[in-house]
Amino acid sequence: MNPRLVQLLVHWVVMALGVTLATKLVDGISCDSTATLIVVVLLLSFFNAIIKPLLVLFTLPFIVLTLGLGVVVINALLFMFVGRLVDGFHVAGFWPAVWGALVVSVTNLILSGFTRKAAVPRKEAPPEGAPPVRAPRVKKKADDVIDI
């Protein structure tokens, strides 16, 4: 199976778990069925991939001014927007949306740490007393000058 597809499916399962936890932990958020949960996860994934980067770009001064708390507001607004779009997924207001977005974010942060690929092992250091290994030098051509 394609590793990117597996990664996407794992991301969706983690987000579904986060949304489920948000419905259980936060008063004012509810989800009627599993089918509704699937639609919510797909929409949240789509909005996080397409709309969120645009919102972050346009609100960058606000995000910098609030030391990053503006991203929480953006996540809450997207959570509320999905609550308005999907029948059967109810978000009572702004503060439940903030808490729900925080629950989903923390769940994603914790579980993505377990699902990441292992880091590529580093090369071993040369034995003691051996000269260090250096990368070969690349000769520059006369054309490699950037004119401004």
N, C-alpha and C. Protein backbone atom coordinates (compact mmCIF):
# COMPACT_ATOMS: atom_id res chain seq x y z
N MET A 1 0.85 -1.18 0.00
CA MET A 1 0.00 0.00 0.00
C MET A 1 0.89 1.24 0.00
N ASN A 2 0.42 2.26 -0.64
CA ASN A 2 1.16 3.52 -0.75
C ASN A 2 1.37 4.13 0.65
N PRO A 3 2.62 4.48 1.01
CA PRO A 3 2.86 5.04 2.35
C PRO A 3 2.14 6.36 2.60
N ARG A 4 1.95 7.17 1.56
CA ARG A 4 1.24 8.44 1.74
C ARG A 4 -0.23 8.19 2.06
N LEU A 5 -0.81 7.18 1.44
CA LEU A 5 -2.20 6.84 1.72
C LEU A 5 -2.35 6.34 3.15
N VAL A 6 -1.41 5.52 3.59
CA VAL A 6 -1.44 5.04 4.98
C VAL A 6 -1.31 6.21 5.94
N GLN A 7 -0.41 7.14 5.63
CA GLN A 7 -0.21 8.32 6.48
C GLN A 7 -1.49 9.16 6.55
N LEU A 8 -2.17 9.33 5.43
CA LEU A 8 -3.42 10.07 5.40
C LEU A 8 -4.50 9.38 6.22
N LEU A 9 -4.60 8.06 6.09
CA LEU A 9 -5.59 7.31 6.85
C LEU A 9 -5.32 7.39 8.36
N VAL A 10 -4.05 7.31 8.73
CA VAL A 10 -3.69 7.44 10.15
C VAL A 10 -4.04 8.83 10.65
N HIS A 11 -3.78 9.85 9.84
CA HIS A 11 -4.13 11.23 10.22
C HIS A 11 -5.63 11.34 10.44
N TRP A 12 -6.43 10.76 9.56
CA TRP A 12 -7.89 10.82 9.70
C TRP A 12 -8.36 10.07 10.95
N VAL A 13 -7.75 8.94 11.25
CA VAL A 13 -8.13 8.19 12.45
C VAL A 13 -7.79 9.00 13.70
N VAL A 14 -6.63 9.64 13.71
CA VAL A 14 -6.23 10.45 14.86
C VAL A 14 -7.19 11.64 15.02
N MET A 15 -7.55 12.28 13.91
CA MET A 15 -8.48 13.40 13.99
C MET A 15 -9.87 12.93 14.43
N ALA A 16 -10.30 11.76 13.96
CA ALA A 16 -11.60 11.22 14.38
C ALA A 16 -11.59 10.95 15.88
N LEU A 17 -10.48 10.45 16.39
CA LEU A 17 -10.37 10.22 17.83
C LEU A 17 -10.41 11.55 18.58
N GLY A 18 -9.75 12.57 18.04
CA GLY A 18 -9.76 13.89 18.68
C GLY A 18 -11.16 14.50 18.70
N VAL A 19 -11.89 14.40 17.59
CA VAL A 19 -13.25 14.93 17.54
C VAL A 19 -14.15 14.15 18.48
N THR A 20 -13.98 12.84 18.54
CA THR A 20 -14.78 12.02 19.46
C THR A 20 -14.50 12.41 20.91
N LEU A 21 -13.22 12.60 21.24
CA LEU A 21 -12.88 13.05 22.60
C LEU A 21 -13.48 14.42 22.89
N ALA A 22 -13.47 15.31 21.89
CA ALA A 22 -14.03 16.65 22.09
C ALA A 22 -15.54 16.55 22.37
N THR A 23 -16.23 15.64 21.69
CA THR A 23 -17.67 15.50 21.95
C THR A 23 -17.94 14.94 23.33
N LYS A 24 -17.02 14.13 23.84
CA LYS A 24 -17.20 13.53 25.17
C LYS A 24 -16.80 14.49 26.29
N LEU A 25 -15.76 15.32 26.05
CA LEU A 25 -15.20 16.15 27.12
C LEU A 25 -15.77 17.55 27.19
N VAL A 26 -16.22 18.09 26.05
CA VAL A 26 -16.63 19.50 26.01
C VAL A 26 -18.15 19.58 25.95
N ASP A 27 -18.72 20.29 26.93
CA ASP A 27 -20.16 20.55 26.88
C ASP A 27 -20.43 21.52 25.74
N GLY A 28 -21.43 21.22 24.94
CA GLY A 28 -21.78 22.10 23.83
C GLY A 28 -21.33 21.57 22.49
N ILE A 29 -20.65 20.43 22.47
CA ILE A 29 -20.26 19.78 21.21
C ILE A 29 -20.85 18.38 21.21
N SER A 30 -21.56 18.05 20.14
CA SER A 30 -22.13 16.70 20.03
C SER A 30 -22.10 16.25 18.59
N CYS A 31 -22.07 14.94 18.43
CA CYS A 31 -22.05 14.32 17.11
C CYS A 31 -23.05 13.17 17.15
N ASP A 32 -23.97 13.14 16.17
CA ASP A 32 -25.07 12.18 16.21
C ASP A 32 -24.70 10.77 15.78
N SER A 33 -23.82 10.61 14.79
CA SER A 33 -23.55 9.26 14.28
C SER A 33 -22.11 9.15 13.79
N THR A 34 -21.74 7.92 13.47
CA THR A 34 -20.40 7.66 12.94
C THR A 34 -20.26 8.26 11.55
N ALA A 35 -21.30 8.20 10.75
CA ALA A 35 -21.24 8.79 9.41
C ALA A 35 -21.02 10.30 9.50
N THR A 36 -21.68 10.92 10.45
CA THR A 36 -21.48 12.35 10.67
C THR A 36 -20.04 12.63 11.08
N LEU A 37 -19.49 11.79 11.94
CA LEU A 37 -18.11 11.94 12.38
C LEU A 37 -17.15 11.86 11.19
N ILE A 38 -17.40 10.95 10.28
CA ILE A 38 -16.55 10.80 9.10
C ILE A 38 -16.60 12.06 8.24
N VAL A 39 -17.80 12.60 8.05
CA VAL A 39 -17.94 13.83 7.26
C VAL A 39 -17.22 14.99 7.95
N VAL A 40 -17.35 15.07 9.28
CA VAL A 40 -16.69 16.14 10.03
C VAL A 40 -15.17 16.04 9.88
N VAL A 41 -14.63 14.83 9.99
CA VAL A 41 -13.18 14.64 9.87
C VAL A 41 -12.71 15.00 8.47
N LEU A 42 -13.44 14.60 7.45
CA LEU A 42 -13.06 14.93 6.08
C LEU A 42 -13.09 16.45 5.84
N LEU A 43 -14.14 17.11 6.33
CA LEU A 43 -14.23 18.56 6.16
C LEU A 43 -13.14 19.30 6.94
N LEU A 44 -12.90 18.88 8.18
CA LEU A 44 -11.84 19.52 8.97
C LEU A 44 -10.48 19.33 8.30
N SER A 45 -10.23 18.15 7.76
CA SER A 45 -8.96 17.91 7.05
C SER A 45 -8.85 18.81 5.83
N PHE A 46 -9.93 18.91 5.07
CA PHE A 46 -9.93 19.76 3.88
C PHE A 46 -9.71 21.23 4.26
N PHE A 47 -10.43 21.70 5.27
CA PHE A 47 -10.29 23.10 5.69
C PHE A 47 -8.91 23.38 6.24
N ASN A 48 -8.33 22.41 6.99
CA ASN A 48 -6.99 22.60 7.53
C ASN A 48 -5.94 22.63 6.42
N ALA A 49 -6.21 21.93 5.32
CA ALA A 49 -5.24 21.90 4.23
C ALA A 49 -5.39 23.08 3.28
N ILE A 50 -6.60 23.58 3.08
CA ILE A 50 -6.83 24.62 2.07
C ILE A 50 -7.09 25.99 2.70
N ILE A 51 -8.06 26.08 3.58
CA ILE A 51 -8.50 27.39 4.09
C ILE A 51 -7.59 27.91 5.20
N LYS A 52 -7.15 27.03 6.09
CA LYS A 52 -6.35 27.48 7.23
C LYS A 52 -5.06 28.19 6.82
N PRO A 53 -4.29 27.68 5.85
CA PRO A 53 -3.08 28.43 5.47
C PRO A 53 -3.38 29.83 4.95
N LEU A 54 -4.49 29.98 4.23
CA LEU A 54 -4.86 31.31 3.75
C LEU A 54 -5.24 32.23 4.90
N LEU A 55 -6.00 31.69 5.86
CA LEU A 55 -6.38 32.50 7.02
C LEU A 55 -5.15 32.90 7.84
N VAL A 56 -4.23 31.97 8.00
CA VAL A 56 -3.00 32.28 8.75
C VAL A 56 -2.20 33.35 8.02
N LEU A 57 -2.14 33.27 6.70
CA LEU A 57 -1.40 34.26 5.93
C LEU A 57 -2.01 35.66 6.08
N PHE A 58 -3.34 35.74 5.98
CA PHE A 58 -3.99 37.04 6.05
C PHE A 58 -4.03 37.62 7.47
N THR A 59 -3.98 36.75 8.48
CA THR A 59 -4.04 37.23 9.86
C THR A 59 -2.69 37.16 10.57
N LEU A 60 -1.63 37.07 9.81
CA LEU A 60 -0.30 36.93 10.40
C LEU A 60 0.05 38.04 11.40
N PRO A 61 -0.25 39.30 11.13
CA PRO A 61 0.04 40.32 12.14
C PRO A 61 -0.71 40.06 13.46
N PHE A 62 -1.96 39.64 13.37
CA PHE A 62 -2.75 39.32 14.57
C PHE A 62 -2.14 38.13 15.31
N ILE A 63 -1.70 37.13 14.57
CA ILE A 63 -1.10 35.94 15.19
C ILE A 63 0.20 36.32 15.89
N VAL A 64 1.01 37.15 15.26
CA VAL A 64 2.27 37.58 15.89
C VAL A 64 1.97 38.43 17.12
N LEU A 65 1.00 39.32 17.00
CA LEU A 65 0.64 40.20 18.11
C LEU A 65 0.13 39.42 19.32
N THR A 66 -0.58 38.33 19.09
CA THR A 66 -1.13 37.52 20.18
C THR A 66 -0.21 36.37 20.57
N LEU A 67 0.99 36.37 20.02
CA LEU A 67 2.00 35.34 20.32
C LEU A 67 1.49 33.94 20.00
N GLY A 68 0.79 33.80 18.91
CA GLY A 68 0.35 32.50 18.43
C GLY A 68 -1.06 32.11 18.83
N LEU A 69 -1.68 32.84 19.75
CA LEU A 69 -3.04 32.48 20.17
C LEU A 69 -4.06 32.71 19.06
N GLY A 70 -3.70 33.50 18.06
CA GLY A 70 -4.59 33.70 16.94
C GLY A 70 -4.85 32.42 16.17
N VAL A 71 -3.89 31.50 16.19
CA VAL A 71 -4.08 30.21 15.52
C VAL A 71 -5.18 29.41 16.22
N VAL A 72 -5.27 29.52 17.54
CA VAL A 72 -6.33 28.85 18.27
C VAL A 72 -7.69 29.42 17.86
N VAL A 73 -7.75 30.72 17.67
CA VAL A 73 -8.99 31.36 17.22
C VAL A 73 -9.37 30.86 15.83
N ILE A 74 -8.39 30.74 14.94
CA ILE A 74 -8.65 30.24 13.59
C ILE A 74 -9.16 28.80 13.65
N ASN A 75 -8.52 27.97 14.47
CA ASN A 75 -8.98 26.58 14.62
C ASN A 75 -10.41 26.53 15.15
N ALA A 76 -10.72 27.38 16.12
CA ALA A 76 -12.07 27.41 16.68
C ALA A 76 -13.09 27.85 15.64
N LEU A 77 -12.74 28.85 14.83
CA LEU A 77 -13.65 29.31 13.79
C LEU A 77 -13.90 28.22 12.75
N LEU A 78 -12.85 27.48 12.38
CA LEU A 78 -13.04 26.37 11.45
C LEU A 78 -13.91 25.28 12.07
N PHE A 79 -13.72 25.03 13.36
CA PHE A 79 -14.53 24.04 14.08
C PHE A 79 -16.00 24.46 14.08
N MET A 80 -16.25 25.75 14.35
CA MET A 80 -17.62 26.26 14.33
C MET A 80 -18.22 26.19 12.92
N PHE A 81 -17.40 26.51 11.92
CA PHE A 81 -17.87 26.47 10.54
C PHE A 81 -18.31 25.06 10.15
N VAL A 82 -17.53 24.06 10.54
CA VAL A 82 -17.91 22.67 10.26
C VAL A 82 -19.19 22.32 11.02
N GLY A 83 -19.34 22.84 12.23
CA GLY A 83 -20.56 22.62 12.99
C GLY A 83 -21.79 23.20 12.31
N ARG A 84 -21.60 24.30 11.60
CA ARG A 84 -22.72 24.90 10.86
C ARG A 84 -23.02 24.15 9.57
N LEU A 85 -22.00 23.59 8.95
CA LEU A 85 -22.18 22.93 7.65
C LEU A 85 -22.76 21.52 7.76
N VAL A 86 -22.39 20.79 8.80
CA VAL A 86 -22.74 19.37 8.88
C VAL A 86 -23.93 19.19 9.81
N ASP A 87 -25.01 18.63 9.25
CA ASP A 87 -26.16 18.28 10.09
C ASP A 87 -25.78 17.11 10.98
N GLY A 88 -26.09 17.21 12.24
CA GLY A 88 -25.76 16.14 13.18
C GLY A 88 -24.50 16.42 13.99
N PHE A 89 -23.75 17.46 13.62
CA PHE A 89 -22.58 17.87 14.40
C PHE A 89 -22.88 19.26 14.93
N HIS A 90 -22.99 19.36 16.25
CA HIS A 90 -23.45 20.60 16.87
C HIS A 90 -22.35 21.22 17.72
N VAL A 91 -22.07 22.49 17.46
CA VAL A 91 -21.14 23.28 18.27
C VAL A 91 -21.95 24.45 18.80
N ALA A 92 -22.08 24.54 20.14
CA ALA A 92 -23.00 25.50 20.76
C ALA A 92 -22.55 26.95 20.64
N GLY A 93 -21.27 27.20 20.51
CA GLY A 93 -20.82 28.59 20.44
C GLY A 93 -19.31 28.67 20.31
N PHE A 94 -18.79 29.87 20.52
CA PHE A 94 -17.37 30.10 20.31
C PHE A 94 -16.51 29.37 21.34
N TRP A 95 -16.85 29.48 22.63
CA TRP A 95 -16.00 28.86 23.65
C TRP A 95 -16.01 27.34 23.59
N PRO A 96 -17.14 26.68 23.36
CA PRO A 96 -17.05 25.23 23.13
C PRO A 96 -16.19 24.90 21.90
N ALA A 97 -16.25 25.75 20.87
CA ALA A 97 -15.42 25.52 19.69
C ALA A 97 -13.94 25.66 20.02
N VAL A 98 -13.59 26.64 20.86
CA VAL A 98 -12.19 26.81 21.28
C VAL A 98 -11.72 25.58 22.03
N TRP A 99 -12.51 25.12 23.00
CA TRP A 99 -12.11 23.95 23.78
C TRP A 99 -12.07 22.70 22.91
N GLY A 100 -13.02 22.56 21.99
CA GLY A 100 -13.01 21.41 21.08
C GLY A 100 -11.80 21.43 20.18
N ALA A 101 -11.46 22.59 19.64
CA ALA A 101 -10.27 22.71 18.78
C ALA A 101 -9.00 22.40 19.57
N LEU A 102 -8.95 22.84 20.83
CA LEU A 102 -7.78 22.52 21.67
C LEU A 102 -7.68 21.03 21.95
N VAL A 103 -8.81 20.38 22.21
CA VAL A 103 -8.79 18.93 22.45
C VAL A 103 -8.31 18.20 21.20
N VAL A 104 -8.82 18.59 20.03
CA VAL A 104 -8.39 17.94 18.78
C VAL A 104 -6.90 18.20 18.53
N SER A 105 -6.43 19.41 18.78
CA SER A 105 -5.02 19.74 18.56
C SER A 105 -4.11 18.97 19.49
N VAL A 106 -4.47 18.90 20.76
CA VAL A 106 -3.63 18.17 21.72
C VAL A 106 -3.63 16.67 21.41
N THR A 107 -4.78 16.13 21.05
CA THR A 107 -4.85 14.72 20.66
C THR A 107 -3.98 14.45 19.45
N ASN A 108 -4.06 15.35 18.47
CA ASN A 108 -3.24 15.21 17.27
C ASN A 108 -1.75 15.30 17.61
N LEU A 109 -1.39 16.23 18.48
CA LEU A 109 0.01 16.39 18.87
C LEU A 109 0.54 15.14 19.57
N ILE A 110 -0.23 14.62 20.50
CA ILE A 110 0.23 13.45 21.27
C ILE A 110 0.30 12.20 20.40
N LEU A 111 -0.76 11.93 19.66
CA LEU A 111 -0.80 10.69 18.88
C LEU A 111 0.09 10.74 17.64
N SER A 112 0.32 11.92 17.09
CA SER A 112 1.22 11.98 15.93
C SER A 112 2.66 11.70 16.34
N GLY A 113 2.98 11.93 17.61
CA GLY A 113 4.31 11.57 18.11
C GLY A 113 4.54 10.07 18.09
N PHE A 114 3.46 9.31 18.29
CA PHE A 114 3.58 7.85 18.26
C PHE A 114 3.58 7.30 16.84
N THR A 115 3.00 8.02 15.91
CA THR A 115 2.85 7.50 14.55
C THR A 115 3.90 8.00 13.58
N ARG A 116 4.81 8.87 14.03
CA ARG A 116 5.86 9.36 13.14
C ARG A 116 6.84 8.26 12.81
N LYS A 117 7.46 8.41 11.65
CA LYS A 117 8.49 7.46 11.26
C LYS A 117 9.73 7.69 12.13
N ALA A 118 10.49 6.65 12.31
CA ALA A 118 11.73 6.78 13.08
C ALA A 118 12.70 7.67 12.30
N ALA A 119 13.51 8.40 13.02
CA ALA A 119 14.48 9.29 12.40
C ALA A 119 15.54 8.48 11.67
N VAL A 120 16.07 9.04 10.60
CA VAL A 120 17.12 8.37 9.85
C VAL A 120 18.38 8.34 10.72
N PRO A 121 18.97 7.15 10.87
CA PRO A 121 20.15 7.07 11.74
C PRO A 121 21.31 7.88 11.17
N ARG A 122 22.06 8.49 12.07
CA ARG A 122 23.22 9.28 11.66
C ARG A 122 24.38 8.36 11.34
N LYS A 123 25.29 8.90 10.52
CA LYS A 123 26.50 8.14 10.23
C LYS A 123 27.36 8.14 11.48
N GLU A 124 28.07 7.05 11.65
CA GLU A 124 28.94 6.96 12.83
C GLU A 124 30.14 7.89 12.65
N ALA A 125 30.63 8.37 13.76
CA ALA A 125 31.82 9.23 13.74
C ALA A 125 33.03 8.38 13.37
N PRO A 126 34.02 9.00 12.71
CA PRO A 126 35.23 8.23 12.38
C PRO A 126 35.95 7.80 13.66
N PRO A 127 36.69 6.73 13.58
CA PRO A 127 37.41 6.26 14.78
C PRO A 127 38.35 7.34 15.31
N GLU A 128 38.62 7.22 16.58
CA GLU A 128 39.46 8.23 17.23
C GLU A 128 40.85 8.25 16.61
N GLY A 129 41.34 9.43 16.32
CA GLY A 129 42.66 9.58 15.72
C GLY A 129 42.62 9.64 14.20
N ALA A 130 41.51 9.23 13.61
CA ALA A 130 41.40 9.27 12.15
C ALA A 130 41.05 10.69 11.72
N PRO A 131 41.51 11.11 10.55
CA PRO A 131 41.18 12.46 10.10
C PRO A 131 39.69 12.56 9.78
N PRO A 132 39.08 13.73 10.01
CA PRO A 132 37.65 13.88 9.73
C PRO A 132 37.38 13.77 8.23
N VAL A 133 36.23 13.20 7.93
CA VAL A 133 35.83 13.05 6.53
C VAL A 133 35.11 14.32 6.12
N ARG A 134 35.53 14.91 5.03
CA ARG A 134 34.91 16.14 4.55
C ARG A 134 34.24 15.89 3.21
N ALA A 135 33.21 16.66 2.99
CA ALA A 135 32.51 16.57 1.71
C ALA A 135 33.39 17.18 0.63
N PRO A 136 33.34 16.62 -0.58
CA PRO A 136 34.17 17.18 -1.64
C PRO A 136 33.72 18.60 -1.99
N ARG A 137 34.68 19.43 -2.35
CA ARG A 137 34.38 20.80 -2.72
C ARG A 137 33.78 20.84 -4.12
N VAL A 138 32.83 21.72 -4.27
CA VAL A 138 32.23 21.91 -5.58
C VAL A 138 32.82 23.18 -6.16
N LYS A 139 33.40 23.05 -7.35
CA LYS A 139 34.00 24.22 -7.99
C LYS A 139 32.89 25.05 -8.62
N LYS A 140 32.96 26.35 -8.38
CA LYS A 140 31.97 27.25 -8.95
C LYS A 140 32.44 27.71 -10.31
N LYS A 141 31.46 27.88 -11.18
CA LYS A 141 31.77 28.41 -12.50
C LYS A 141 31.68 29.94 -12.41
N ALA A 142 32.20 30.57 -13.41
CA ALA A 142 32.13 32.03 -13.46
C ALA A 142 30.69 32.51 -13.65
N ASP A 143 29.80 31.62 -14.16
CA ASP A 143 28.41 31.98 -14.41
C ASP A 143 27.56 31.96 -13.14
N ASP A 144 28.09 31.47 -12.04
CA ASP A 144 27.31 31.27 -10.84
C ASP A 144 27.09 32.53 -10.02
N VAL A 145 27.20 33.68 -10.61
CA VAL A 145 27.01 34.93 -9.91
C VAL A 145 25.57 35.37 -10.09
N ILE A 146 24.98 35.82 -8.99
CA ILE A 146 23.62 36.31 -9.06
C ILE A 146 23.66 37.82 -9.22
N ASP A 147 23.12 38.30 -10.32
CA ASP A 147 23.06 39.74 -10.55
C ASP A 147 21.78 40.30 -10.00
N ILE A 148 21.88 41.43 -9.36
CA ILE A 148 20.68 42.06 -8.80
C ILE A 148 20.38 43.31 -9.57
